[in-house]
Protein backbone atom coordinates (compact mmCIF):
# COMPACT_ATOMS: atom_id res chain seq x y z
CA MET A 1 21.18 -59.61 191.98
CA LYS A 2 23.22 -57.72 189.34
CA ALA A 3 23.89 -60.96 187.48
CA GLY A 4 20.16 -61.68 187.37
CA ILE A 5 19.44 -58.24 185.92
CA THR A 6 22.12 -58.75 183.25
CA VAL A 7 20.56 -62.06 182.22
CA MET A 8 17.13 -60.41 182.01
CA ILE A 9 18.53 -57.68 179.73
CA LEU A 10 20.11 -60.27 177.46
CA ILE A 11 16.84 -62.19 177.23
CA VAL A 12 14.98 -59.00 176.28
CA LEU A 13 17.56 -58.21 173.59
CA ILE A 14 17.32 -61.70 172.13
CA ASN A 15 13.53 -61.55 172.14
CA CYS A 16 13.71 -58.24 170.31
CA GLY A 17 15.54 -60.04 167.51
CA LEU A 18 18.86 -58.22 167.99
CA LYS A 19 22.16 -59.92 167.34
CA LEU A 20 24.25 -59.82 170.48
CA GLU A 21 27.44 -59.50 168.47
CA ASN A 22 26.15 -56.22 167.06
CA THR A 23 24.69 -55.02 170.36
CA PHE A 24 27.92 -54.61 172.29
CA ALA A 25 31.14 -52.86 171.39
CA ILE A 26 32.90 -54.91 168.73
CA ASN A 27 35.30 -52.25 167.55
CA PHE A 28 39.00 -53.00 167.88
CA LYS A 29 41.96 -50.66 167.47
CA ALA A 30 45.71 -51.16 167.14
CA ASP A 31 48.66 -49.50 165.48
CA ILE A 32 48.96 -52.37 163.01
CA ILE A 33 46.17 -54.66 161.82
CA ILE A 34 47.36 -57.89 160.19
CA TYR A 35 44.92 -59.87 158.10
CA GLY A 36 45.86 -63.55 157.76
CA GLY A 37 47.08 -66.50 159.79
CA THR A 38 50.07 -67.50 157.66
CA SER A 39 53.71 -67.72 158.69
CA ALA A 40 54.15 -64.19 157.31
CA ALA A 41 51.27 -62.93 159.46
CA ILE A 42 52.70 -64.30 162.69
CA THR A 43 56.22 -63.12 161.89
CA ALA A 44 54.91 -59.65 161.14
CA ALA A 45 52.95 -59.63 164.40
CA VAL A 46 55.98 -60.65 166.46
CA GLU A 47 58.04 -57.90 164.85
CA ALA A 48 55.30 -55.33 165.47
CA VAL A 49 55.29 -56.13 169.20
CA GLN A 50 59.07 -56.17 169.41
CA SER A 51 59.11 -52.78 167.68
CA GLY A 52 56.88 -51.37 170.39
CA LYS A 53 53.66 -51.23 168.39
CA THR A 54 50.22 -52.54 169.25
CA VAL A 55 49.00 -55.22 166.87
CA LEU A 56 45.96 -57.37 166.17
CA VAL A 57 45.98 -60.47 164.00
CA VAL A 58 42.66 -60.93 162.23
CA SER A 59 42.85 -64.48 160.97
CA PRO A 60 40.38 -66.36 158.78
CA ASP A 61 42.35 -69.45 159.78
CA THR A 62 41.89 -71.27 163.07
CA ASN A 63 45.27 -73.01 162.85
CA LEU A 64 48.22 -70.66 162.55
CA GLY A 65 51.19 -70.95 160.22
CA GLY A 66 49.68 -71.55 156.79
CA LEU A 67 51.70 -74.07 154.77
CA SER A 68 54.57 -74.07 157.26
CA SER A 69 52.30 -75.87 159.72
CA GLY A 70 50.04 -77.34 157.04
CA GLY A 71 52.21 -80.16 155.75
CA LEU A 72 55.10 -78.39 154.05
CA GLY A 73 57.74 -79.60 156.48
CA PHE A 74 60.40 -80.34 153.88
CA THR A 75 61.34 -76.67 153.55
CA ASP A 76 62.24 -75.19 150.17
CA THR A 77 65.21 -73.09 151.25
CA GLY A 78 67.63 -72.46 148.41
CA ASP A 79 70.67 -70.71 149.88
CA LYS A 80 70.08 -70.77 153.63
CA SER A 81 72.51 -67.92 154.27
CA THR A 82 69.86 -65.55 152.88
CA ILE A 83 67.43 -66.45 155.66
CA GLY A 84 67.83 -64.14 158.64
CA GLY A 85 65.84 -62.37 161.32
CA LEU A 86 62.68 -63.96 162.69
CA SER A 87 62.54 -66.39 159.79
CA ARG A 88 65.81 -67.94 160.94
CA GLU A 89 64.53 -67.79 164.53
CA PHE A 90 61.66 -70.07 163.52
CA TYR A 91 64.03 -72.70 162.13
CA HIS A 92 66.27 -72.32 165.18
CA ARG A 93 63.28 -73.18 167.36
CA VAL A 94 62.66 -76.26 165.23
CA TRP A 95 66.29 -77.25 165.90
CA LEU A 96 65.81 -76.76 169.62
CA HIS A 97 62.70 -78.95 169.60
CA TYR A 98 64.41 -81.89 167.91
CA ASN A 99 67.42 -81.69 170.19
CA ASP A 100 65.13 -82.86 172.98
CA SER A 101 65.01 -86.66 173.11
CA SER A 102 61.29 -86.55 173.91
CA ALA A 103 60.65 -85.22 170.38
CA TRP A 104 61.56 -88.59 168.90
CA LYS A 105 58.49 -90.71 169.59
CA TRP A 106 58.35 -92.97 166.55
CA GLN A 107 62.02 -93.37 165.77
CA LYS A 108 65.39 -92.71 167.33
CA HIS A 109 67.10 -89.44 166.56
CA SER A 110 70.09 -91.38 165.27
CA GLU A 111 67.88 -93.26 162.81
CA TYR A 112 66.81 -90.04 161.14
CA GLY A 113 70.11 -88.20 161.00
CA ASN A 114 70.36 -85.71 158.16
CA LYS A 115 68.34 -87.53 155.56
CA GLY A 116 67.40 -84.73 153.21
CA GLN A 117 67.20 -84.75 149.43
CA GLY A 118 69.26 -81.63 148.83
CA THR A 119 68.13 -80.18 152.16
CA VAL A 120 70.18 -80.72 155.31
CA ALA A 121 67.70 -81.56 158.03
CA MET A 122 69.74 -80.42 161.02
CA ASP A 123 72.47 -77.83 160.76
CA GLY A 124 74.23 -78.04 164.09
CA GLU A 125 76.82 -75.42 163.25
CA ASN A 126 74.14 -72.80 162.60
CA ARG A 127 71.67 -74.24 165.13
CA THR A 128 68.87 -74.54 162.60
CA MET A 129 66.67 -77.35 161.35
CA TRP A 130 64.81 -77.18 158.06
CA ILE A 131 62.68 -80.34 158.09
CA PHE A 132 59.94 -80.86 160.66
CA GLU A 133 56.53 -82.27 161.54
CA PRO A 134 53.42 -80.10 161.04
CA HIS A 135 52.38 -80.04 164.70
CA VAL A 136 55.84 -78.89 165.71
CA ALA A 137 55.63 -75.87 163.41
CA GLU A 138 52.14 -74.98 164.61
CA GLN A 139 53.25 -75.13 168.23
CA ILE A 140 56.17 -72.80 167.51
CA PHE A 141 53.81 -70.23 166.00
CA GLU A 142 51.50 -70.58 169.00
CA ASP A 143 54.50 -70.14 171.31
CA LEU A 144 55.52 -66.96 169.49
CA VAL A 145 52.00 -65.61 169.86
CA ALA A 146 51.88 -66.43 173.57
CA GLU A 147 55.36 -65.15 174.40
CA ASN A 148 54.72 -61.84 172.68
CA LYS A 149 51.18 -61.54 174.07
CA ILE A 150 49.72 -61.16 170.59
CA THR A 151 45.95 -61.03 170.28
CA VAL A 152 44.74 -63.30 167.49
CA LEU A 153 41.08 -63.28 166.49
CA ARG A 154 40.49 -66.53 164.60
CA ASN A 155 37.85 -67.57 162.10
CA GLU A 156 37.36 -63.92 161.17
CA TRP A 157 36.67 -63.46 157.48
CA LEU A 158 36.98 -60.10 155.76
CA ASP A 159 33.74 -58.69 154.35
CA ARG A 160 35.16 -58.44 150.85
CA GLU A 161 32.20 -56.47 149.47
CA ASN A 162 31.67 -53.77 152.07
CA GLY A 163 34.23 -54.32 154.80
CA VAL A 164 37.06 -51.98 153.82
CA VAL A 165 36.71 -48.26 154.58
CA ILE A 166 39.16 -46.03 152.71
CA LYS A 167 39.68 -42.30 153.05
CA ASP A 168 42.30 -40.25 151.24
CA ARG A 169 44.03 -43.41 149.94
CA LYS A 170 44.32 -44.83 153.47
CA ILE A 171 42.54 -47.84 154.89
CA VAL A 172 40.66 -46.58 157.94
CA SER A 173 39.17 -49.88 159.05
CA ILE A 174 38.23 -53.38 158.00
CA THR A 175 35.12 -55.29 159.04
CA THR A 176 34.70 -59.04 159.12
CA LEU A 177 31.60 -61.09 158.38
CA SER A 178 31.00 -61.52 162.10
CA GLY A 179 30.51 -57.77 162.42
CA LYS A 180 33.79 -56.91 164.12
CA THR A 181 35.53 -53.74 162.94
CA PHE A 182 39.29 -53.20 163.17
CA SER A 183 40.80 -49.73 162.93
CA GLY A 184 44.52 -49.15 162.56
CA LYS A 185 47.24 -46.86 161.35
CA MET A 186 48.82 -49.53 159.15
CA PHE A 187 47.46 -52.73 157.61
CA ILE A 188 49.25 -55.85 156.41
CA ASP A 189 47.62 -58.36 154.07
CA ALA A 190 49.43 -61.61 154.85
CA THR A 191 46.97 -63.99 153.18
CA TYR A 192 47.79 -66.32 150.29
CA GLU A 193 44.83 -64.88 148.37
CA GLY A 194 45.35 -61.11 148.76
CA ASP A 195 41.71 -60.46 149.70
CA LEU A 196 42.38 -57.28 151.67
CA MET A 197 44.63 -55.94 148.94
CA ALA A 198 41.93 -56.54 146.34
CA ALA A 199 39.11 -55.13 148.47
CA ALA A 200 41.20 -51.99 149.04
CA GLY A 201 41.25 -51.35 145.31
CA VAL A 202 44.95 -52.05 144.85
CA SER A 203 45.99 -53.20 141.36
CA TYR A 204 46.86 -56.85 140.93
CA HIS A 205 47.20 -59.59 138.33
CA VAL A 206 45.98 -63.18 138.14
CA GLY A 207 47.56 -65.63 135.74
CA ARG A 208 50.64 -65.57 133.55
CA GLU A 209 51.86 -62.49 131.76
CA ALA A 210 53.10 -62.69 128.20
CA CYS A 211 56.90 -62.65 128.02
CA SER A 212 56.71 -59.28 126.27
CA VAL A 213 55.12 -57.52 129.27
CA TYR A 214 58.29 -57.45 131.36
CA GLY A 215 60.87 -58.59 128.82
CA GLU A 216 61.08 -62.13 130.17
CA THR A 217 61.86 -65.55 128.73
CA TRP A 218 60.11 -67.95 131.11
CA ASN A 219 56.72 -66.35 131.63
CA GLY A 220 53.48 -67.22 129.82
CA ILE A 221 52.89 -70.60 128.22
CA GLN A 222 55.98 -72.85 128.24
CA SER A 223 55.03 -76.05 126.43
CA GLN A 224 58.67 -76.85 125.72
CA ALA A 225 59.76 -76.63 129.36
CA LYS A 226 60.32 -80.01 131.00
CA HIS A 227 62.45 -79.18 134.00
CA HIS A 228 61.10 -81.39 136.78
CA GLY A 229 60.04 -84.55 135.03
CA HIS A 230 56.38 -83.76 135.74
CA TYR A 231 55.41 -84.52 132.16
CA PHE A 232 54.41 -87.53 130.09
CA LYS A 233 57.67 -89.05 128.90
CA ASP A 234 55.90 -91.77 126.92
CA PRO A 235 53.13 -91.33 124.35
CA ILE A 236 49.88 -91.81 126.27
CA ASP A 237 46.50 -91.97 124.52
CA PRO A 238 44.13 -89.30 125.96
CA TYR A 239 40.81 -90.84 124.92
CA LYS A 240 38.41 -92.96 126.96
CA THR A 241 38.56 -95.57 124.22
CA PRO A 242 42.14 -95.52 122.94
CA GLY A 243 42.43 -94.30 119.38
CA LYS A 244 38.84 -93.01 119.28
CA PRO A 245 38.49 -89.24 119.81
CA GLU A 246 34.72 -89.59 119.54
CA SER A 247 34.73 -91.50 122.86
CA GLY A 248 35.76 -88.32 124.68
CA LEU A 249 38.78 -87.32 126.71
CA LEU A 250 39.84 -88.95 129.96
CA TYR A 251 39.13 -87.01 133.14
CA GLY A 252 41.29 -83.92 133.67
CA ILE A 253 42.37 -83.37 130.07
CA SER A 254 41.41 -80.05 128.51
CA PRO A 255 40.01 -79.99 124.97
CA GLU A 256 41.56 -76.55 124.41
CA PRO A 257 44.61 -76.44 122.12
CA VAL A 258 47.73 -75.01 123.73
CA ALA A 259 48.64 -71.47 122.66
CA PRO A 260 52.10 -70.43 121.39
CA ASN A 261 54.96 -70.18 123.88
CA CYS A 262 55.24 -66.95 125.86
CA THR A 263 51.53 -66.21 125.42
CA GLY A 264 49.89 -64.85 128.55
CA ASP A 265 46.69 -66.31 130.01
CA ASN A 266 44.53 -66.21 133.13
CA LYS A 267 45.46 -69.73 134.24
CA ILE A 268 47.41 -70.48 137.42
CA GLN A 269 49.72 -73.27 138.52
CA ALA A 270 48.18 -76.31 140.17
CA TYR A 271 47.38 -76.67 143.86
CA CYS A 272 47.58 -79.75 146.09
CA PHE A 273 47.70 -80.74 149.74
CA ARG A 274 51.14 -81.49 151.17
CA LEU A 275 50.29 -84.70 152.99
CA CYS A 276 51.87 -85.97 156.17
CA MET A 277 52.01 -89.77 155.90
CA SER A 278 53.42 -92.37 158.26
CA ASN A 279 54.85 -95.82 157.73
CA HIS A 280 54.84 -96.68 161.43
CA PRO A 281 52.21 -99.39 162.08
CA ASP A 282 51.09 -97.71 165.31
CA ASN A 283 50.84 -94.22 163.86
CA ARG A 284 49.11 -94.59 160.52
CA VAL A 285 45.51 -94.39 159.42
CA PRO A 286 44.36 -96.17 156.23
CA PHE A 287 43.75 -93.85 153.30
CA PRO A 288 40.03 -93.07 153.35
CA LYS A 289 37.76 -93.70 150.38
CA PRO A 290 35.90 -90.48 149.51
CA GLU A 291 32.12 -90.76 149.22
CA ASN A 292 32.11 -89.68 145.59
CA TYR A 293 35.07 -91.87 144.58
CA ASP A 294 35.20 -92.66 140.86
CA PRO A 295 38.11 -94.83 139.67
CA ALA A 296 37.59 -93.54 136.12
CA ASN A 297 39.11 -90.24 137.27
CA TYR A 298 42.46 -92.00 137.57
CA GLU A 299 42.44 -94.03 134.34
CA LEU A 300 45.15 -91.77 132.94
CA LEU A 301 47.47 -92.72 135.81
CA ALA A 302 46.80 -96.39 135.13
CA ARG A 303 48.01 -95.87 131.55
CA VAL A 304 51.15 -94.17 132.85
CA PHE A 305 51.84 -97.21 135.02
CA ASP A 306 51.17 -99.45 132.00
CA ALA A 307 53.86 -97.55 130.12
CA GLY A 308 56.37 -98.63 132.76
CA TRP A 309 56.51 -95.56 135.01
CA ARG A 310 57.43 -96.47 138.59
CA GLU A 311 58.33 -93.14 140.25
CA TRP A 312 55.21 -92.96 142.40
CA PHE A 313 57.16 -92.80 145.66
CA GLY A 314 59.66 -90.21 144.39
CA LYS A 315 58.46 -87.33 146.61
CA PHE A 316 57.64 -89.15 149.82
CA ASP A 317 60.19 -86.87 151.50
CA MET A 318 61.01 -88.11 154.98
CA ILE A 319 60.57 -85.83 157.95
CA PRO A 320 61.19 -86.84 161.60
CA ASN A 321 59.37 -89.74 163.24
CA ARG A 322 58.87 -91.88 160.14
CA LYS A 323 56.58 -89.37 158.47
CA THR A 324 56.58 -87.61 155.13
CA ASP A 325 55.96 -84.33 153.47
CA THR A 326 54.48 -85.87 150.32
CA ASN A 327 54.47 -83.60 147.28
CA ASN A 328 53.43 -83.90 143.65
CA HIS A 329 55.71 -86.03 141.50
CA GLY A 330 55.52 -87.18 137.90
CA PRO A 331 53.02 -86.66 135.07
CA PHE A 332 49.93 -87.60 137.09
CA SER A 333 50.07 -87.02 140.83
CA SER A 334 48.63 -84.90 143.64
CA ASP A 335 48.52 -81.67 141.64
CA PHE A 336 44.91 -81.20 140.53
CA ILE A 337 45.89 -79.58 137.24
CA GLY A 338 43.50 -77.06 135.73
CA MET A 339 40.95 -77.19 138.54
CA ASN A 340 41.80 -73.98 140.39
CA TYR A 341 41.59 -71.20 137.82
CA ASP A 342 38.68 -69.43 139.51
CA TYR A 343 40.04 -69.76 143.05
CA PRO A 344 41.75 -66.34 143.40
CA GLU A 345 38.62 -64.33 142.65
CA ALA A 346 36.06 -66.87 143.91
CA SER A 347 33.60 -66.27 146.74
CA TYR A 348 34.28 -67.89 150.08
CA GLU A 349 31.66 -70.55 149.33
CA ARG A 350 33.14 -71.34 145.94
CA ARG A 351 36.61 -71.55 147.46
CA LYS A 352 35.31 -74.08 149.98
CA GLN A 353 34.00 -76.13 147.05
CA ILE A 354 37.35 -75.93 145.26
CA ILE A 355 39.18 -77.01 148.41
CA LYS A 356 36.75 -79.92 148.86
CA GLU A 357 37.22 -80.91 145.20
CA HIS A 358 40.98 -80.97 145.71
CA GLN A 359 40.59 -83.01 148.86
CA ASP A 360 38.30 -85.53 147.18
CA TYR A 361 40.63 -85.81 144.19
CA GLN A 362 43.69 -86.43 146.35
CA LYS A 363 41.93 -88.86 148.68
CA GLY A 364 40.60 -90.72 145.66
CA LEU A 365 44.07 -90.80 144.16
CA LEU A 366 45.54 -92.40 147.27
CA TYR A 367 42.72 -94.91 147.48
CA PHE A 368 43.10 -95.77 143.78
CA VAL A 369 46.84 -96.39 143.99
CA SER A 370 46.41 -98.42 147.17
CA ASN A 371 43.56 -100.64 145.97
CA ASP A 372 42.75 -100.61 142.27
CA PRO A 373 43.79 -103.69 140.25
CA LEU A 374 44.84 -101.40 137.38
CA VAL A 375 47.76 -100.31 139.57
CA PRO A 376 50.81 -102.62 139.49
CA GLN A 377 50.81 -105.09 142.35
CA GLU A 378 54.23 -104.03 143.61
CA VAL A 379 53.03 -100.42 143.92
CA ARG A 380 49.85 -101.45 145.75
CA ASP A 381 51.81 -103.69 148.08
CA LYS A 382 54.23 -100.91 148.99
CA MET A 383 51.33 -98.50 149.57
CA GLN A 384 50.02 -100.83 152.27
CA ASN A 385 52.96 -99.67 154.40
CA TRP A 386 51.66 -96.11 154.34
CA GLY A 387 48.74 -94.18 155.78
CA LEU A 388 47.93 -90.71 157.05
CA ALA A 389 49.86 -89.82 160.20
CA LYS A 390 47.53 -90.52 163.11
CA ASP A 391 49.03 -87.84 165.35
CA GLU A 392 48.86 -84.99 162.82
CA PHE A 393 45.85 -82.78 162.06
CA THR A 394 43.90 -84.69 164.67
CA ASP A 395 41.03 -82.20 164.53
CA ASN A 396 40.64 -82.58 160.75
CA GLY A 397 40.63 -86.32 160.07
CA ASN A 398 44.45 -86.31 159.83
CA TRP A 399 44.17 -84.16 156.71
CA PRO A 400 46.02 -80.80 156.36
CA HIS A 401 44.04 -77.67 157.14
CA GLN A 402 45.72 -75.69 154.38
CA LEU A 403 45.52 -76.25 150.63
CA TYR A 404 48.78 -75.34 148.92
CA ILE A 405 47.85 -72.04 147.28
CA ARG A 406 50.98 -71.85 145.18
CA GLU A 407 49.87 -68.66 143.50
CA SER A 408 46.78 -66.47 143.58
CA ARG A 409 46.57 -62.71 143.11
CA ARG A 410 49.83 -60.82 142.72
CA MET A 411 49.94 -57.12 143.44
CA ILE A 412 51.08 -54.65 140.80
CA GLY A 413 52.87 -52.37 143.21
CA LYS A 414 55.46 -49.66 143.34
CA TYR A 415 58.02 -52.08 141.87
CA VAL A 416 57.39 -55.33 140.01
CA THR A 417 59.97 -58.07 140.57
CA THR A 418 60.64 -60.02 137.36
CA GLU A 419 62.89 -62.83 136.22
CA ASN A 420 65.43 -60.15 135.30
CA ASP A 421 65.83 -59.39 139.01
CA VAL A 422 65.97 -63.07 139.95
CA LEU A 423 68.57 -63.78 137.28
CA ALA A 424 70.68 -60.72 138.23
CA LYS A 425 70.04 -58.96 134.94
CA SER A 426 68.92 -55.82 136.74
CA GLU A 427 69.79 -53.94 139.91
CA VAL A 428 67.12 -54.25 142.58
CA PRO A 429 66.28 -50.97 144.35
CA GLU A 430 65.73 -50.71 148.10
CA PRO A 431 65.97 -54.42 149.08
CA VAL A 432 64.13 -55.67 152.18
CA GLY A 433 64.90 -59.37 151.89
CA MET A 434 66.37 -62.02 149.65
CA GLY A 435 65.32 -65.07 147.70
CA SER A 436 67.39 -67.84 146.19
CA TYR A 437 65.11 -70.73 145.20
CA ALA A 438 64.53 -71.70 141.57
CA MET A 439 61.78 -69.96 139.61
CA ASP A 440 59.44 -72.88 140.14
CA SER A 441 56.04 -73.17 138.51
CA HIS A 442 54.03 -76.38 138.65
CA ASN A 443 51.92 -77.47 135.70
CA VAL A 444 49.08 -75.21 134.63
CA GLN A 445 47.16 -77.28 132.10
CA ARG A 446 46.84 -80.76 130.61
CA TYR A 447 46.06 -80.93 126.91
CA VAL A 448 46.23 -83.01 123.73
CA THR A 449 49.26 -82.46 121.51
CA SER A 450 49.12 -82.12 117.75
CA ASP A 451 50.31 -85.75 117.64
CA GLY A 452 47.23 -86.86 119.52
CA PHE A 453 48.85 -87.64 122.90
CA VAL A 454 48.32 -86.18 126.35
CA GLN A 455 50.82 -83.69 127.77
CA ASN A 456 51.19 -81.25 130.67
CA GLU A 457 52.21 -77.62 130.32
CA GLY A 458 53.51 -74.99 132.70
CA ASP A 459 56.15 -76.88 134.69
CA VAL A 460 59.17 -74.59 134.82
CA GLY A 461 62.26 -74.60 137.02
CA VAL A 462 65.04 -72.10 136.34
CA GLU A 463 67.82 -71.65 138.89
CA PRO A 464 69.11 -68.16 139.69
CA HIS A 465 72.86 -67.71 139.33
CA SER A 466 73.07 -66.47 142.91
CA PRO A 467 70.75 -65.21 145.66
CA TYR A 468 68.89 -62.04 144.69
CA SER A 469 67.35 -59.08 146.47
CA ILE A 470 63.62 -58.34 146.78
CA SER A 471 62.63 -54.68 146.59
CA TYR A 472 60.65 -52.77 149.19
CA GLY A 473 58.58 -51.55 146.26
CA SER A 474 57.32 -55.10 145.75
CA ILE A 475 55.53 -55.19 149.11
CA VAL A 476 53.85 -51.78 148.90
CA PRO A 477 51.20 -50.52 146.46
CA LYS A 478 51.60 -47.50 144.24
CA ILE A 479 51.25 -44.35 146.32
CA GLU A 480 48.24 -43.20 144.31
CA GLU A 481 46.37 -46.37 145.30
CA CYS A 482 47.00 -46.90 149.02
CA THR A 483 49.47 -45.41 151.47
CA ASN A 484 49.13 -47.65 154.55
CA LEU A 485 48.98 -51.24 153.25
CA LEU A 486 51.81 -53.77 152.98
CA VAL A 487 51.56 -57.07 151.10
CA PRO A 488 54.37 -59.52 151.98
CA VAL A 489 52.77 -62.66 150.46
CA CYS A 490 50.88 -61.66 147.30
CA VAL A 491 53.86 -59.52 146.39
CA SER A 492 54.29 -57.40 143.30
CA SER A 493 55.99 -59.72 140.84
CA SER A 494 55.55 -61.49 137.54
CA HIS A 495 54.26 -65.06 137.50
CA ILE A 496 57.64 -66.62 136.91
CA ALA A 497 59.50 -64.47 139.45
CA TYR A 498 56.85 -65.33 142.03
CA GLY A 499 57.77 -68.97 141.41
CA SER A 500 60.96 -68.26 143.34
CA ILE A 501 59.68 -65.75 145.89
CA ARG A 502 56.75 -67.96 147.00
CA MET A 503 58.71 -69.92 149.60
CA GLU A 504 57.73 -69.97 153.27
CA PRO A 505 61.10 -68.69 154.60
CA VAL A 506 60.82 -65.72 152.21
CA PHE A 507 57.25 -64.98 153.30
CA MET A 508 58.46 -64.82 156.90
CA ILE A 509 61.35 -62.56 155.89
CA LEU A 510 59.02 -60.18 154.06
CA GLY A 511 56.47 -60.31 156.87
CA GLN A 512 59.06 -59.05 159.33
CA SER A 513 60.30 -56.36 156.95
CA ALA A 514 56.73 -55.23 156.35
CA ALA A 515 56.16 -54.75 160.08
CA VAL A 516 59.41 -52.80 160.49
CA ALA A 517 58.37 -50.51 157.64
CA ALA A 518 54.90 -50.10 159.13
CA GLY A 519 56.40 -49.07 162.47
CA LEU A 520 58.70 -46.56 160.82
CA ALA A 521 55.81 -45.01 158.87
CA ILE A 522 53.77 -44.74 162.08
CA ASP A 523 56.62 -43.03 163.92
CA LYS A 524 57.15 -40.53 161.10
CA LYS A 525 53.40 -40.13 160.41
CA ILE A 526 53.97 -40.51 156.70
CA ALA A 527 52.94 -42.76 153.83
CA LEU A 528 54.73 -46.09 153.52
CA GLN A 529 56.06 -45.04 150.14
CA LYS A 530 57.76 -41.99 151.67
CA ILE A 531 59.74 -43.53 154.50
CA SER A 532 63.52 -43.20 154.39
CA TYR A 533 65.01 -46.35 152.94
CA THR A 534 68.28 -45.54 154.71
CA GLU A 535 66.46 -45.71 158.06
CA LEU A 536 64.54 -48.82 157.05
CA LYS A 537 67.70 -50.58 155.94
CA GLU A 538 69.47 -49.73 159.18
CA LYS A 539 66.62 -51.18 161.23
CA LEU A 540 66.40 -54.34 159.11
CA ILE A 541 70.12 -55.01 159.39
CA LYS A 542 69.91 -54.63 163.16
CA LYS A 543 67.09 -57.19 163.13
CA GLY A 544 69.36 -59.69 161.37
CA GLN A 545 67.80 -59.46 157.93
CA LYS A 546 69.88 -60.25 154.85
CA LEU A 547 69.27 -57.70 152.10
CA SER A 548 71.94 -58.20 149.45
CA LEU A 549 74.92 -60.37 148.54
CA SER A 550 77.20 -58.15 150.62
CA ASP A 551 75.30 -59.23 153.75
CA LEU A 552 76.00 -62.95 153.24
């Protein structure tokens, strides 16, 4: 009888035009509210629980793990001794998975071995593994959530216009587009975009700073930098009809002249999808032809092949079970150069368009190289051995859920990490983690040189002399802006320094440190900027974090 009455009430409410989601209590509370579904978000959530705090993960993503489960299985590690705490725990769990014979479905364990290009796949001595399949990573994140009884609300998108309530420089609550409101003592923005940070009124930067801003050498425009080989090594004509500027530029080439070196701009490094491919006949799907496919978009690549370039397969990095983590490689590849400038500040709808444009470009690229007669026969023949991995991203047409947002907003926080910190030219205050990878920026623009040929600009790779520390001040805002927000992904750093920090192991490291700091601030009932670094350091060391060279 009671059930019948409840149904009747619901029917009346619906007939009155009320939204059920706004009719019942949809207010949530926890000590720590984490916005994001990235590897940093899950690591922060695990730490929050293990520190005795209540936590809610408010995730716009349905699939957890960000790039770590989104195709980037060939981990960019640098010096692995810098990776401690829960970040190392993740890679230990990968190692455990692949030590089970059942994990090797499409090849024998012995056939894979330690085949890494500069990255040891399995480190038996340290019980870690650094190369893995996407679904394995996603399952590990799901296991961490389940084991720690973490509540994750998925497909919840921050109301960026009106969804952040602030009082006395503290975030009181955030509301998502579905109408759910989340109140907490501390908030962590663990997204690649920094949407919560921006909506909270925290200062940030998009694009490249001029070298003069922070006294750097490798920031801003770097047309002379050719560190990775992702540039045109041969003179390639940029015009639709060679030698005739009046015919117009080939697709993807900007008509803007390149500015002087070290000049700042609002452009950002290129995005792409890190694809998981397979060369096993029983586990590959032919590369699909996008509906709006236009072979003219890839004419420039055909000219690169005509010039003798044959490095197309150079970044088909092998991961277990005859699959790849396929990354950008060469002058014309999966990076959709110059097509993402508006992404950081774009609306959700515009971002969806940008993601779709990147997907169509990359699908078209694969179809072109596999089928177009302008591509050398030997390249097309070899491509017939490859396809998308049938057993990955099965709910998304075997395509990664996550676009590689290499860089978006970057906070201007209490401390700004610059290349001078990365290159050990300055002493880093109050470290909460370490980085060690090269300052790595992919290309930012494609233009016509003064000689009338096409060239890429923005590809920089500068190795640090040794691992370096990352300051606590780089994950917290200025105290006058917000006192209860931590930002472990869109950290406070210059463009070129972020090129080193922006690695998934580092995001997990900073996610854990952010949660430890949040817990300490809650216990002391003080602003994040006023916690005792001595106490924070002691807690981080106990958690297995590596903070400086003396810890290695």
